[in-house]
Amino acid sequence: MWWIFAILSAVFAAATAILAKMGIEGVDSNLATAIRTIVVLLMAWGMVL
């Protein structure tokens, strides 16, 4: 069962990277990384709570 989650995680990570590159072309790379980090942290805390 764990391998299904591993594959899904890899697929979603790739999709996130592709969509991030498409959606934030004019934004500084450091700012884009900070925004993505904040979103990931919020989602992680949402799952914890």
PDB file of N, CA and C in Angstrom:
ATOM      1  N   MET A   1       0.824  -1.206   0.000  1.00  0.00           N
ATOM      2  CA  MET A   1       0.000   0.000   0.000  1.00  0.00           C
ATOM      3  C   MET A   1       0.862   1.262   0.000  1.00  0.00           C
ATOM      4  N   TRP A   2       2.022   1.210   0.667  1.00  0.00           N
ATOM      5  CA  TRP A   2       2.858   2.401   0.777  1.00  0.00           C
ATOM      6  C   TRP A   2       3.361   2.857  -0.579  1.00  0.00           C
ATOM      7  N   TRP A   3       3.561   1.928  -1.509  1.00  0.00           N
ATOM      8  CA  TRP A   3       4.096   2.298  -2.820  1.00  0.00           C
ATOM      9  C   TRP A   3       3.087   3.119  -3.616  1.00  0.00           C
ATOM     10  N   ILE A   4       1.794   2.935  -3.358  1.00  0.00           N
ATOM     11  CA  ILE A   4       0.786   3.764  -4.027  1.00  0.00           C
ATOM     12  C   ILE A   4       0.941   5.217  -3.580  1.00  0.00           C
ATOM     13  N   PHE A   5       1.120   5.411  -2.279  1.00  0.00           N
ATOM     14  CA  PHE A   5       1.307   6.766  -1.763  1.00  0.00           C
ATOM     15  C   PHE A   5       2.607   7.379  -2.280  1.00  0.00           C
ATOM     16  N   ALA A   6       3.641   6.571  -2.412  1.00  0.00           N
ATOM     17  CA  ALA A   6       4.916   7.064  -2.937  1.00  0.00           C
ATOM     18  C   ALA A   6       4.773   7.522  -4.384  1.00  0.00           C
ATOM     19  N   ILE A   7       4.080   6.743  -5.188  1.00  0.00           N
ATOM     20  CA  ILE A   7       3.876   7.119  -6.592  1.00  0.00           C
ATOM     21  C   ILE A   7       3.017   8.373  -6.693  1.00  0.00           C
ATOM     22  N   LEU A   8       1.938   8.437  -5.924  1.00  0.00           N
ATOM     23  CA  LEU A   8       1.092   9.626  -5.937  1.00  0.00           C
ATOM     24  C   LEU A   8       1.867  10.862  -5.487  1.00  0.00           C
ATOM     25  N   SER A   9       2.702  10.702  -4.491  1.00  0.00           N
ATOM     26  CA  SER A   9       3.512  11.817  -4.016  1.00  0.00           C
ATOM     27  C   SER A   9       4.443  12.329  -5.101  1.00  0.00           C
ATOM     28  N   ALA A  10       5.072  11.420  -5.828  1.00  0.00           N
ATOM     29  CA  ALA A  10       5.972  11.819  -6.911  1.00  0.00           C
ATOM     30  C   ALA A  10       5.212  12.514  -8.038  1.00  0.00           C
ATOM     31  N   VAL A  11       4.048  12.002  -8.373  1.00  0.00           N
ATOM     32  CA  VAL A  11       3.240  12.614  -9.440  1.00  0.00           C
ATOM     33  C   VAL A  11       2.804  14.014  -9.046  1.00  0.00           C
ATOM     34  N   PHE A  12       2.313  14.175  -7.823  1.00  0.00           N
ATOM     35  CA  PHE A  12       1.859  15.491  -7.391  1.00  0.00           C
ATOM     36  C   PHE A  12       3.015  16.473  -7.230  1.00  0.00           C
ATOM     37  N   ALA A  13       4.175  15.996  -6.814  1.00  0.00           N
ATOM     38  CA  ALA A  13       5.346  16.868  -6.716  1.00  0.00           C
ATOM     39  C   ALA A  13       5.752  17.368  -8.096  1.00  0.00           C
ATOM     40  N   ALA A  14       5.727  16.491  -9.079  1.00  0.00           N
ATOM     41  CA  ALA A  14       6.065  16.902 -10.446  1.00  0.00           C
ATOM     42  C   ALA A  14       5.035  17.885 -10.984  1.00  0.00           C
ATOM     43  N   ALA A  15       3.767  17.619 -10.738  1.00  0.00           N
ATOM     44  CA  ALA A  15       2.713  18.517 -11.215  1.00  0.00           C
ATOM     45  C   ALA A  15       2.837  19.887 -10.554  1.00  0.00           C
ATOM     46  N   THR A  16       3.163  19.904  -9.271  1.00  0.00           N
ATOM     47  CA  THR A  16       3.330  21.179  -8.571  1.00  0.00           C
ATOM     48  C   THR A  16       4.478  21.980  -9.167  1.00  0.00           C
ATOM     49  N   ALA A  17       5.583  21.319  -9.451  1.00  0.00           N
ATOM     50  CA  ALA A  17       6.733  22.015 -10.031  1.00  0.00           C
ATOM     51  C   ALA A  17       6.401  22.567 -11.421  1.00  0.00           C
ATOM     52  N   ILE A  18       5.726  21.798 -12.222  1.00  0.00           N
ATOM     53  CA  ILE A  18       5.368  22.248 -13.574  1.00  0.00           C
ATOM     54  C   ILE A  18       4.398  23.414 -13.511  1.00  0.00           C
ATOM     55  N   LEU A  19       3.354  23.303 -12.700  1.00  0.00           N
ATOM     56  CA  LEU A  19       2.379  24.391 -12.595  1.00  0.00           C
ATOM     57  C   LEU A  19       3.006  25.647 -11.999  1.00  0.00           C
ATOM     58  N   ALA A  20       3.914  25.477 -11.056  1.00  0.00           N
ATOM     59  CA  ALA A  20       4.580  26.632 -10.460  1.00  0.00           C
ATOM     60  C   ALA A  20       5.423  27.363 -11.501  1.00  0.00           C
ATOM     61  N   LYS A  21       6.115  26.629 -12.350  1.00  0.00           N
ATOM     62  CA  LYS A  21       6.925  27.263 -13.394  1.00  0.00           C
ATOM     63  C   LYS A  21       6.047  28.007 -14.389  1.00  0.00           C
ATOM     64  N   MET A  22       4.899  27.458 -14.712  1.00  0.00           N
ATOM     65  CA  MET A  22       4.005  28.090 -15.679  1.00  0.00           C
ATOM     66  C   MET A  22       3.328  29.336 -15.096  1.00  0.00           C
ATOM     67  N   GLY A  23       2.955  29.253 -13.828  1.00  0.00           N
ATOM     68  CA  GLY A  23       2.142  30.312 -13.237  1.00  0.00           C
ATOM     69  C   GLY A  23       2.904  31.500 -12.709  1.00  0.00           C
ATOM     70  N   ILE A  24       4.201  31.371 -12.446  1.00  0.00           N
ATOM     71  CA  ILE A  24       4.938  32.460 -11.806  1.00  0.00           C
ATOM     72  C   ILE A  24       6.178  32.828 -12.614  1.00  0.00           C
ATOM     73  N   GLU A  25       5.993  33.029 -13.900  1.00  0.00           N
ATOM     74  CA  GLU A  25       7.136  33.325 -14.757  1.00  0.00           C
ATOM     75  C   GLU A  25       7.784  34.672 -14.438  1.00  0.00           C
ATOM     76  N   GLY A  26       7.000  35.675 -14.070  1.00  0.00           N
ATOM     77  CA  GLY A  26       7.546  37.007 -13.845  1.00  0.00           C
ATOM     78  C   GLY A  26       7.931  37.293 -12.406  1.00  0.00           C
ATOM     79  N   VAL A  27       7.867  36.291 -11.537  1.00  0.00           N
ATOM     80  CA  VAL A  27       8.117  36.489 -10.109  1.00  0.00           C
ATOM     81  C   VAL A  27       9.536  36.024  -9.781  1.00  0.00           C
ATOM     82  N   ASP A  28      10.175  36.734  -8.859  1.00  0.00           N
ATOM     83  CA  ASP A  28      11.517  36.361  -8.398  1.00  0.00           C
ATOM     84  C   ASP A  28      11.508  34.932  -7.854  1.00  0.00           C
ATOM     85  N   SER A  29      12.550  34.171  -8.130  1.00  0.00           N
ATOM     86  CA  SER A  29      12.583  32.759  -7.736  1.00  0.00           C
ATOM     87  C   SER A  29      12.567  32.585  -6.221  1.00  0.00           C
ATOM     88  N   ASN A  30      13.211  33.485  -5.487  1.00  0.00           N
ATOM     89  CA  ASN A  30      13.200  33.381  -4.023  1.00  0.00           C
ATOM     90  C   ASN A  30      11.802  33.611  -3.462  1.00  0.00           C
ATOM     91  N   LEU A  31      11.087  34.574  -4.026  1.00  0.00           N
ATOM     92  CA  LEU A  31       9.718  34.832  -3.586  1.00  0.00           C
ATOM     93  C   LEU A  31       8.818  33.651  -3.923  1.00  0.00           C
ATOM     94  N   ALA A  32       8.994  33.083  -5.095  1.00  0.00           N
ATOM     95  CA  ALA A  32       8.186  31.928  -5.492  1.00  0.00           C
ATOM     96  C   ALA A  32       8.435  30.747  -4.562  1.00  0.00           C
ATOM     97  N   THR A  33       9.682  30.527  -4.194  1.00  0.00           N
ATOM     98  CA  THR A  33      10.012  29.442  -3.273  1.00  0.00           C
ATOM     99  C   THR A  33       9.392  29.693  -1.907  1.00  0.00           C
ATOM    100  N   ALA A  34       9.431  30.920  -1.450  1.00  0.00           N
ATOM    101  CA  ALA A  34       8.836  31.259  -0.156  1.00  0.00           C
ATOM    102  C   ALA A  34       7.325  31.028  -0.176  1.00  0.00           C
ATOM    103  N   ILE A  35       6.670  31.400  -1.248  1.00  0.00           N
ATOM    104  CA  ILE A  35       5.219  31.214  -1.352  1.00  0.00           C
ATOM    105  C   ILE A  35       4.875  29.726  -1.358  1.00  0.00           C
ATOM    106  N   ARG A  36       5.624  28.954  -2.129  1.00  0.00           N
ATOM    107  CA  ARG A  36       5.361  27.509  -2.164  1.00  0.00           C
ATOM    108  C   ARG A  36       5.608  26.866  -0.807  1.00  0.00           C
ATOM    109  N   THR A  37       6.637  27.323  -0.101  1.00  0.00           N
ATOM    110  CA  THR A  37       6.931  26.786   1.228  1.00  0.00           C
ATOM    111  C   THR A  37       5.803  27.089   2.203  1.00  0.00           C
ATOM    112  N   ILE A  38       5.283  28.295   2.141  1.00  0.00           N
ATOM    113  CA  ILE A  38       4.168  28.680   3.017  1.00  0.00           C
ATOM    114  C   ILE A  38       2.941  27.827   2.728  1.00  0.00           C
ATOM    115  N   VAL A  39       2.656  27.605   1.447  1.00  0.00           N
ATOM    116  CA  VAL A  39       1.504  26.779   1.087  1.00  0.00           C
ATOM    117  C   VAL A  39       1.680  25.354   1.603  1.00  0.00           C
ATOM    118  N   VAL A  40       2.879  24.798   1.438  1.00  0.00           N
ATOM    119  CA  VAL A  40       3.129  23.433   1.921  1.00  0.00           C
ATOM    120  C   VAL A  40       2.992  23.369   3.445  1.00  0.00           C
ATOM    121  N   LEU A  41       3.520  24.358   4.138  1.00  0.00           N
ATOM    122  CA  LEU A  41       3.396  24.375   5.600  1.00  0.00           C
ATOM    123  C   LEU A  41       1.942  24.466   6.046  1.00  0.00           C
ATOM    124  N   LEU A  42       1.161  25.291   5.379  1.00  0.00           N
ATOM    125  CA  LEU A  42      -0.259  25.408   5.713  1.00  0.00           C
ATOM    126  C   LEU A  42      -0.996  24.089   5.480  1.00  0.00           C
ATOM    127  N   MET A  43      -0.711  23.437   4.383  1.00  0.00           N
ATOM    128  CA  MET A  43      -1.352  22.151   4.092  1.00  0.00           C
ATOM    129  C   MET A  43      -0.926  21.091   5.112  1.00  0.00           C
ATOM    130  N   ALA A  44       0.353  21.093   5.491  1.00  0.00           N
ATOM    131  CA  ALA A  44       0.821  20.126   6.478  1.00  0.00           C
ATOM    132  C   ALA A  44       0.159  20.351   7.824  1.00  0.00           C
ATOM    133  N   TRP A  45       0.053  21.604   8.250  1.00  0.00           N
ATOM    134  CA  TRP A  45      -0.611  21.898   9.523  1.00  0.00           C
ATOM    135  C   TRP A  45      -2.091  21.568   9.457  1.00  0.00           C
ATOM    136  N   GLY A  46      -2.682  21.754   8.282  1.00  0.00           N
ATOM    137  CA  GLY A  46      -4.091  21.381   8.112  1.00  0.00           C
ATOM    138  C   GLY A  46      -4.304  19.888   8.303  1.00  0.00           C
ATOM    139  N   MET A  47      -3.370  19.096   7.807  1.00  0.00           N
ATOM    140  CA  MET A  47      -3.483  17.651   7.976  1.00  0.00           C
ATOM    141  C   MET A  47      -3.232  17.252   9.429  1.00  0.00           C
ATOM    142  N   VAL A  48      -2.324  17.952  10.097  1.00  0.00           N
ATOM    143  CA  VAL A  48      -2.042  17.636  11.500  1.00  0.00           C
ATOM    144  C   VAL A  48      -3.250  17.946  12.382  1.00  0.00           C
ATOM    145  N   LEU A  49      -3.870  19.076  12.129  1.00  0.00           N
ATOM    146  CA  LEU A  49      -5.006  19.481  12.958  1.00  0.00           C
ATOM    147  C   LEU A  49      -6.234  18.670  12.601  1.00  0.00           C
TER     148      LEU A  49
END
